[in-house]
Amino acid sequence: MSAEKKIKKLNLELPPAPTPIGVYIPLLVVGKNCYVSGHGPLLPDKTLIRGRIGQDMDAEQGKLAARQVGLAILATLKSHLGSLNKVKRVIKVLGMVNADPSFEKHPYIINGCSELFAEVWGKENGIGVRSAVGMGSLPDNIPVEIEAIFELD
């Protein structure tokens, strides 16, 4: 099943593709690789989920925020490529978690995005290499920022 059909079958609501708030582009295609800049947890109403994991929200809320970041990345891909079907596979995900210094489950949080990508492209193509790291802070006090690299057909 194509990525576009899976989005419909899963009844996923993509937020609007975010626009840059700094000096960068949201997506760059080089050869068959598609590099997506860091995204935050943008909601369909164009607001951001905010807060620090382990302080303002728990791990489950953080994981849902990471899933929302994944949806924002999908929105950017669709907006710039025209279709998610142009993505062959996930190559790499880098997840940054705004967490209390005592929080240690950064990979669990980023699973929210990784599990979404696996649902959309399947386990074989939706799971790539990954890093999940904690940060002292993130822009606008967002709980998660994620960047990714995809291979295109």
N, C-alpha and C. Protein backbone atom coordinates (compact mmCIF):
# COMPACT_ATOMS: atom_id res chain seq x y z
N MET A 1 0.85 -1.18 0.00
CA MET A 1 0.00 0.00 0.00
C MET A 1 0.89 1.25 0.00
N SER A 2 0.54 2.23 -0.79
CA SER A 2 1.34 3.45 -0.90
C SER A 2 1.27 4.27 0.39
N ALA A 3 2.24 5.13 0.57
CA ALA A 3 2.27 6.01 1.76
C ALA A 3 1.03 6.89 1.82
N GLU A 4 0.60 7.42 0.70
CA GLU A 4 -0.59 8.28 0.67
C GLU A 4 -1.83 7.50 1.10
N LYS A 5 -1.96 6.27 0.65
CA LYS A 5 -3.11 5.45 1.03
C LYS A 5 -3.05 5.08 2.51
N LYS A 6 -1.83 4.85 3.03
CA LYS A 6 -1.70 4.53 4.45
C LYS A 6 -2.09 5.72 5.32
N ILE A 7 -1.74 6.92 4.89
CA ILE A 7 -2.12 8.14 5.63
C ILE A 7 -3.65 8.20 5.75
N LYS A 8 -4.33 7.93 4.64
CA LYS A 8 -5.80 7.95 4.65
C LYS A 8 -6.36 6.82 5.49
N LYS A 9 -5.81 5.62 5.35
CA LYS A 9 -6.29 4.46 6.09
C LYS A 9 -6.11 4.67 7.60
N LEU A 10 -5.00 5.27 7.99
CA LEU A 10 -4.72 5.52 9.41
C LEU A 10 -5.48 6.74 9.93
N ASN A 11 -6.17 7.44 9.03
CA ASN A 11 -6.96 8.61 9.40
C ASN A 11 -6.10 9.69 10.07
N LEU A 12 -4.91 9.90 9.51
CA LEU A 12 -3.97 10.88 10.08
C LEU A 12 -4.28 12.28 9.56
N GLU A 13 -4.22 13.24 10.45
CA GLU A 13 -4.42 14.64 10.06
C GLU A 13 -3.07 15.34 10.08
N LEU A 14 -2.62 15.75 8.92
CA LEU A 14 -1.35 16.45 8.83
C LEU A 14 -1.58 17.93 9.15
N PRO A 15 -0.67 18.51 9.92
CA PRO A 15 -0.76 19.96 10.14
C PRO A 15 -0.35 20.67 8.85
N PRO A 16 -0.53 22.00 8.79
CA PRO A 16 0.01 22.70 7.63
C PRO A 16 1.53 22.60 7.62
N ALA A 17 2.12 22.54 6.44
CA ALA A 17 3.59 22.49 6.39
C ALA A 17 4.14 23.75 7.04
N PRO A 18 5.03 23.60 8.02
CA PRO A 18 5.55 24.78 8.70
C PRO A 18 6.42 25.64 7.78
N THR A 19 6.46 26.92 8.07
CA THR A 19 7.32 27.83 7.34
C THR A 19 8.52 28.18 8.22
N PRO A 20 9.69 28.36 7.62
CA PRO A 20 10.88 28.65 8.41
C PRO A 20 10.74 29.93 9.23
N ILE A 21 11.26 29.88 10.45
CA ILE A 21 11.29 31.07 11.31
C ILE A 21 12.72 31.56 11.50
N GLY A 22 13.62 31.04 10.67
CA GLY A 22 15.02 31.42 10.71
C GLY A 22 15.59 31.41 9.30
N VAL A 23 16.89 31.44 9.21
CA VAL A 23 17.57 31.47 7.92
C VAL A 23 17.94 30.03 7.52
N TYR A 24 16.98 29.33 6.93
CA TYR A 24 17.18 27.97 6.46
C TYR A 24 16.02 27.60 5.53
N ILE A 25 16.17 26.49 4.84
CA ILE A 25 15.07 25.96 4.04
C ILE A 25 14.57 24.69 4.72
N PRO A 26 13.28 24.39 4.60
CA PRO A 26 12.73 23.24 5.31
C PRO A 26 13.16 21.89 4.74
N LEU A 27 13.49 21.88 3.45
CA LEU A 27 13.79 20.60 2.79
C LEU A 27 14.75 20.85 1.64
N LEU A 28 15.69 19.94 1.46
CA LEU A 28 16.65 20.05 0.37
C LEU A 28 16.85 18.68 -0.24
N VAL A 29 16.68 18.59 -1.55
CA VAL A 29 16.91 17.34 -2.26
C VAL A 29 18.28 17.43 -2.92
N VAL A 30 19.12 16.43 -2.64
CA VAL A 30 20.44 16.31 -3.25
C VAL A 30 20.54 14.89 -3.80
N GLY A 31 20.52 14.79 -5.12
CA GLY A 31 20.50 13.46 -5.72
C GLY A 31 19.23 12.74 -5.34
N LYS A 32 19.37 11.56 -4.76
CA LYS A 32 18.21 10.77 -4.33
C LYS A 32 17.94 10.94 -2.84
N ASN A 33 18.68 11.82 -2.18
CA ASN A 33 18.47 12.05 -0.75
C ASN A 33 17.70 13.33 -0.50
N CYS A 34 16.81 13.26 0.46
CA CYS A 34 15.98 14.40 0.85
C CYS A 34 16.27 14.71 2.32
N TYR A 35 16.82 15.88 2.57
CA TYR A 35 17.18 16.31 3.92
C TYR A 35 16.09 17.24 4.45
N VAL A 36 15.54 16.91 5.60
CA VAL A 36 14.49 17.72 6.19
C VAL A 36 15.03 18.39 7.45
N SER A 37 14.93 19.71 7.49
CA SER A 37 15.39 20.49 8.65
C SER A 37 14.62 20.10 9.90
N GLY A 38 15.16 20.50 11.04
CA GLY A 38 14.50 20.22 12.31
C GLY A 38 13.10 20.78 12.35
N HIS A 39 12.16 19.96 12.81
CA HIS A 39 10.75 20.33 12.95
C HIS A 39 10.34 20.21 14.41
N GLY A 40 9.36 21.01 14.79
CA GLY A 40 8.77 20.93 16.12
C GLY A 40 7.38 20.35 16.04
N PRO A 41 6.74 20.19 17.20
CA PRO A 41 5.41 19.57 17.26
C PRO A 41 4.30 20.56 16.90
N LEU A 42 4.15 20.78 15.60
CA LEU A 42 3.15 21.71 15.08
C LEU A 42 1.79 21.02 15.00
N LEU A 43 0.78 21.68 15.55
CA LEU A 43 -0.58 21.16 15.54
C LEU A 43 -1.35 21.69 14.33
N PRO A 44 -2.46 21.06 13.96
CA PRO A 44 -3.25 21.53 12.82
C PRO A 44 -3.68 22.99 12.91
N ASP A 45 -3.84 23.53 14.13
CA ASP A 45 -4.24 24.94 14.28
C ASP A 45 -3.04 25.89 14.24
N LYS A 46 -1.87 25.36 13.86
CA LYS A 46 -0.62 26.11 13.70
C LYS A 46 0.03 26.52 15.03
N THR A 47 -0.43 25.99 16.15
CA THR A 47 0.22 26.23 17.43
C THR A 47 1.22 25.10 17.68
N LEU A 48 2.11 25.32 18.62
CA LEU A 48 3.12 24.33 18.97
C LEU A 48 2.80 23.72 20.33
N ILE A 49 3.08 22.43 20.47
CA ILE A 49 3.09 21.82 21.80
C ILE A 49 4.32 22.36 22.49
N ARG A 50 4.17 22.79 23.73
CA ARG A 50 5.30 23.36 24.48
C ARG A 50 5.45 22.67 25.83
N GLY A 51 6.66 22.68 26.33
CA GLY A 51 6.91 22.14 27.65
C GLY A 51 8.14 21.25 27.68
N ARG A 52 8.63 21.03 28.87
CA ARG A 52 9.82 20.22 29.10
C ARG A 52 9.40 18.86 29.65
N ILE A 53 9.93 17.82 29.05
CA ILE A 53 9.58 16.46 29.47
C ILE A 53 10.24 16.16 30.82
N GLY A 54 9.45 15.59 31.71
CA GLY A 54 9.93 15.32 33.06
C GLY A 54 9.66 16.47 34.01
N GLN A 55 9.16 17.56 33.47
CA GLN A 55 8.85 18.75 34.28
C GLN A 55 7.42 19.21 33.99
N ASP A 56 7.12 19.53 32.73
CA ASP A 56 5.79 20.01 32.34
C ASP A 56 4.92 18.90 31.76
N MET A 57 5.53 17.82 31.34
CA MET A 57 4.79 16.70 30.75
C MET A 57 5.51 15.40 31.03
N ASP A 58 4.76 14.30 30.96
CA ASP A 58 5.36 12.99 31.22
C ASP A 58 5.85 12.37 29.91
N ALA A 59 6.41 11.18 30.03
CA ALA A 59 6.99 10.50 28.86
C ALA A 59 5.93 10.20 27.79
N GLU A 60 4.72 9.82 28.21
CA GLU A 60 3.67 9.52 27.23
C GLU A 60 3.29 10.77 26.43
N GLN A 61 3.18 11.90 27.10
CA GLN A 61 2.88 13.16 26.41
C GLN A 61 4.03 13.55 25.49
N GLY A 62 5.26 13.29 25.93
CA GLY A 62 6.43 13.56 25.10
C GLY A 62 6.45 12.70 23.86
N LYS A 63 6.09 11.42 24.01
CA LYS A 63 6.04 10.52 22.86
C LYS A 63 4.98 10.99 21.86
N LEU A 64 3.83 11.44 22.35
CA LEU A 64 2.80 11.98 21.46
C LEU A 64 3.28 13.26 20.76
N ALA A 65 4.07 14.07 21.47
CA ALA A 65 4.63 15.28 20.85
C ALA A 65 5.58 14.89 19.72
N ALA A 66 6.38 13.83 19.93
CA ALA A 66 7.29 13.36 18.88
C ALA A 66 6.51 12.83 17.68
N ARG A 67 5.39 12.19 17.92
CA ARG A 67 4.53 11.73 16.82
C ARG A 67 4.01 12.94 16.04
N GLN A 68 3.66 14.01 16.76
CA GLN A 68 3.17 15.21 16.10
C GLN A 68 4.28 15.85 15.26
N VAL A 69 5.51 15.78 15.73
CA VAL A 69 6.64 16.26 14.92
C VAL A 69 6.72 15.43 13.63
N GLY A 70 6.55 14.13 13.76
CA GLY A 70 6.56 13.27 12.57
C GLY A 70 5.49 13.67 11.57
N LEU A 71 4.31 14.02 12.07
CA LEU A 71 3.24 14.48 11.19
C LEU A 71 3.62 15.78 10.49
N ALA A 72 4.29 16.68 11.21
CA ALA A 72 4.74 17.93 10.61
C ALA A 72 5.79 17.67 9.52
N ILE A 73 6.66 16.70 9.75
CA ILE A 73 7.66 16.32 8.74
C ILE A 73 6.95 15.75 7.51
N LEU A 74 5.95 14.92 7.72
CA LEU A 74 5.17 14.39 6.59
C LEU A 74 4.52 15.52 5.80
N ALA A 75 4.00 16.52 6.51
CA ALA A 75 3.38 17.67 5.84
C ALA A 75 4.39 18.41 4.97
N THR A 76 5.60 18.59 5.48
CA THR A 76 6.65 19.26 4.70
C THR A 76 7.02 18.43 3.47
N LEU A 77 7.19 17.13 3.66
CA LEU A 77 7.51 16.26 2.52
C LEU A 77 6.43 16.35 1.44
N LYS A 78 5.19 16.24 1.86
CA LYS A 78 4.08 16.27 0.90
C LYS A 78 4.00 17.63 0.20
N SER A 79 4.18 18.70 0.95
CA SER A 79 4.10 20.05 0.39
C SER A 79 5.19 20.30 -0.66
N HIS A 80 6.39 19.84 -0.38
CA HIS A 80 7.52 20.14 -1.26
C HIS A 80 7.72 19.10 -2.37
N LEU A 81 7.36 17.85 -2.10
CA LEU A 81 7.56 16.79 -3.10
C LEU A 81 6.30 16.54 -3.93
N GLY A 82 5.15 16.99 -3.41
CA GLY A 82 3.90 16.75 -4.11
C GLY A 82 3.18 15.49 -3.66
N SER A 83 3.93 14.49 -3.20
CA SER A 83 3.34 13.23 -2.74
C SER A 83 4.33 12.51 -1.83
N LEU A 84 3.80 11.87 -0.81
CA LEU A 84 4.65 11.04 0.06
C LEU A 84 5.08 9.76 -0.64
N ASN A 85 4.44 9.44 -1.74
CA ASN A 85 4.80 8.24 -2.50
C ASN A 85 6.17 8.38 -3.16
N LYS A 86 6.71 9.59 -3.21
CA LYS A 86 8.04 9.79 -3.79
C LYS A 86 9.15 9.38 -2.83
N VAL A 87 8.79 9.15 -1.56
CA VAL A 87 9.77 8.72 -0.56
C VAL A 87 9.90 7.20 -0.63
N LYS A 88 11.14 6.74 -0.83
CA LYS A 88 11.40 5.30 -0.88
C LYS A 88 11.59 4.73 0.52
N ARG A 89 12.41 5.44 1.33
CA ARG A 89 12.69 4.94 2.67
C ARG A 89 13.23 6.03 3.58
N VAL A 90 13.14 5.77 4.87
CA VAL A 90 13.76 6.62 5.89
C VAL A 90 15.21 6.19 5.99
N ILE A 91 16.12 7.15 5.92
CA ILE A 91 17.54 6.84 6.10
C ILE A 91 17.95 7.10 7.55
N LYS A 92 17.65 8.30 8.04
CA LYS A 92 18.11 8.67 9.39
C LYS A 92 17.14 9.63 10.04
N VAL A 93 17.00 9.47 11.35
CA VAL A 93 16.21 10.38 12.18
C VAL A 93 17.12 10.84 13.32
N LEU A 94 17.16 12.14 13.56
CA LEU A 94 17.84 12.70 14.73
C LEU A 94 16.79 13.38 15.58
N GLY A 95 16.58 12.85 16.78
CA GLY A 95 15.59 13.39 17.69
C GLY A 95 16.24 14.07 18.88
N MET A 96 15.83 15.30 19.14
CA MET A 96 16.35 16.08 20.27
C MET A 96 15.21 16.30 21.26
N VAL A 97 15.46 15.96 22.51
CA VAL A 97 14.43 15.98 23.53
C VAL A 97 14.75 17.05 24.58
N ASN A 98 13.82 17.97 24.78
CA ASN A 98 13.93 19.01 25.81
C ASN A 98 13.46 18.36 27.11
N ALA A 99 14.40 17.91 27.91
CA ALA A 99 14.04 17.13 29.10
C ALA A 99 14.73 17.63 30.35
N ASP A 100 14.08 17.37 31.45
CA ASP A 100 14.66 17.60 32.76
C ASP A 100 15.97 16.80 32.82
N PRO A 101 17.01 17.33 33.47
CA PRO A 101 18.30 16.63 33.52
C PRO A 101 18.23 15.20 34.07
N SER A 102 17.24 14.90 34.87
CA SER A 102 17.13 13.55 35.43
C SER A 102 16.41 12.58 34.49
N PHE A 103 15.83 13.07 33.41
CA PHE A 103 15.10 12.22 32.47
C PHE A 103 16.08 11.42 31.63
N GLU A 104 15.84 10.11 31.47
CA GLU A 104 16.78 9.25 30.77
C GLU A 104 16.19 8.44 29.62
N LYS A 105 14.93 8.65 29.29
CA LYS A 105 14.27 7.80 28.29
C LYS A 105 14.09 8.52 26.94
N HIS A 106 15.12 9.19 26.48
CA HIS A 106 15.05 9.93 25.23
C HIS A 106 14.65 9.05 24.05
N PRO A 107 15.20 7.83 23.92
CA PRO A 107 14.78 6.98 22.79
C PRO A 107 13.28 6.66 22.82
N TYR A 108 12.73 6.47 24.00
CA TYR A 108 11.29 6.19 24.11
C TYR A 108 10.47 7.34 23.53
N ILE A 109 10.88 8.55 23.80
CA ILE A 109 10.17 9.73 23.29
C ILE A 109 10.21 9.74 21.76
N ILE A 110 11.39 9.56 21.18
CA ILE A 110 11.55 9.64 19.73
C ILE A 110 10.86 8.47 19.03
N ASN A 111 10.57 7.39 19.76
CA ASN A 111 9.78 6.30 19.18
C ASN A 111 8.45 6.81 18.64
N GLY A 112 7.92 7.88 19.20
CA GLY A 112 6.66 8.44 18.71
C GLY A 112 6.73 8.77 17.23
N CYS A 113 7.84 9.33 16.80
CA CYS A 113 8.05 9.66 15.39
C CYS A 113 8.43 8.40 14.60
N SER A 114 9.34 7.62 15.14
CA SER A 114 9.81 6.42 14.42
C SER A 114 8.68 5.43 14.18
N GLU A 115 7.81 5.25 15.16
CA GLU A 115 6.67 4.34 14.98
C GLU A 115 5.72 4.86 13.90
N LEU A 116 5.53 6.18 13.84
CA LEU A 116 4.69 6.77 12.80
C LEU A 116 5.27 6.48 11.42
N PHE A 117 6.56 6.71 11.24
CA PHE A 117 7.19 6.47 9.95
C PHE A 117 7.09 4.98 9.57
N ALA A 118 7.24 4.08 10.55
CA ALA A 118 7.10 2.65 10.29
C ALA A 118 5.67 2.31 9.85
N GLU A 119 4.67 3.01 10.41
CA GLU A 119 3.28 2.80 9.99
C GLU A 119 3.07 3.26 8.55
N VAL A 120 3.69 4.36 8.18
CA VAL A 120 3.48 4.95 6.85
C VAL A 120 4.24 4.19 5.76
N TRP A 121 5.50 3.85 6.00
CA TRP A 121 6.32 3.20 4.97
C TRP A 121 6.62 1.73 5.26
N GLY A 122 6.08 1.19 6.32
CA GLY A 122 6.35 -0.21 6.68
C GLY A 122 7.67 -0.33 7.42
N LYS A 123 7.84 -1.45 8.12
CA LYS A 123 9.06 -1.62 8.94
C LYS A 123 10.33 -1.64 8.10
N GLU A 124 10.26 -2.24 6.92
CA GLU A 124 11.46 -2.35 6.09
C GLU A 124 11.96 -0.99 5.60
N ASN A 125 11.05 -0.12 5.19
CA ASN A 125 11.44 1.18 4.64
C ASN A 125 11.19 2.35 5.59
N GLY A 126 10.42 2.14 6.63
CA GLY A 126 10.07 3.24 7.53
C GLY A 126 10.98 3.38 8.73
N ILE A 127 11.89 2.42 8.90
CA ILE A 127 12.81 2.49 10.04
C ILE A 127 14.23 2.61 9.50
N GLY A 128 14.90 3.69 9.90
CA GLY A 128 16.28 3.90 9.49
C GLY A 128 17.18 3.96 10.70
N VAL A 129 18.37 4.47 10.51
CA VAL A 129 19.27 4.68 11.64
C VAL A 129 18.76 5.88 12.42
N ARG A 130 19.17 5.99 13.70
CA ARG A 130 18.57 7.03 14.52
C ARG A 130 19.46 7.40 15.69
N SER A 131 19.35 8.65 16.11
CA SER A 131 19.92 9.13 17.35
C SER A 131 18.83 9.83 18.13
N ALA A 132 18.84 9.67 19.44
CA ALA A 132 17.88 10.33 20.32
C ALA A 132 18.67 10.90 21.49
N VAL A 133 18.69 12.22 21.59
CA VAL A 133 19.54 12.86 22.60
C VAL A 133 18.76 13.89 23.40
N GLY A 134 19.22 14.13 24.61
CA GLY A 134 18.61 15.13 25.47
C GLY A 134 19.28 16.48 25.28
N MET A 135 18.50 17.52 25.43
CA MET A 135 18.98 18.90 25.28
C MET A 135 18.62 19.70 26.53
N GLY A 136 19.41 20.71 26.81
CA GLY A 136 19.13 21.60 27.93
C GLY A 136 17.92 22.47 27.67
N SER A 137 17.67 22.79 26.39
CA SER A 137 16.49 23.55 25.99
C SER A 137 16.33 23.39 24.48
N LEU A 138 15.14 23.74 24.00
CA LEU A 138 14.87 23.77 22.57
C LEU A 138 14.12 25.06 22.26
N PRO A 139 14.11 25.50 21.00
CA PRO A 139 13.44 26.76 20.65
C PRO A 139 11.98 26.80 21.12
N ASP A 140 11.56 27.94 21.62
CA ASP A 140 10.18 28.17 22.06
C ASP A 140 9.71 27.17 23.11
N ASN A 141 10.64 26.54 23.81
CA ASN A 141 10.33 25.56 24.85
C ASN A 141 9.52 24.37 24.30
N ILE A 142 9.78 23.99 23.04
CA ILE A 142 9.12 22.80 22.50
C ILE A 142 9.76 21.56 23.15
N PRO A 143 8.99 20.48 23.31
CA PRO A 143 9.54 19.29 23.97
C PRO A 143 10.43 18.43 23.07
N VAL A 144 10.23 18.54 21.75
CA VAL A 144 10.94 17.67 20.82
C VAL A 144 11.22 18.42 19.52
N GLU A 145 12.42 18.23 18.99
CA GLU A 145 12.73 18.68 17.63
C GLU A 145 13.35 17.50 16.91
N ILE A 146 12.93 17.28 15.67
CA ILE A 146 13.43 16.13 14.91
C ILE A 146 13.79 16.58 13.50
N GLU A 147 14.93 16.09 13.03
CA GLU A 147 15.31 16.25 11.62
C GLU A 147 15.47 14.86 11.02
N ALA A 148 15.36 14.76 9.71
CA ALA A 148 15.41 13.43 9.08
C ALA A 148 15.99 13.50 7.68
N ILE A 149 16.46 12.34 7.24
CA ILE A 149 16.96 12.16 5.88
C ILE A 149 16.19 11.00 5.27
N PHE A 150 15.72 11.19 4.04
CA PHE A 150 14.95 10.17 3.33
C PHE A 150 15.60 9.88 1.99
N GLU A 151 15.40 8.67 1.49
CA GLU A 151 15.80 8.32 0.12
C GLU A 151 14.56 8.44 -0.75
N LEU A 152 14.72 9.05 -1.90
CA LEU A 152 13.60 9.21 -2.83
C LEU A 152 13.67 8.17 -3.93
N ASP A 153 12.51 7.86 -4.51
CA ASP A 153 12.46 6.94 -5.66
C ASP A 153 13.03 7.61 -6.87
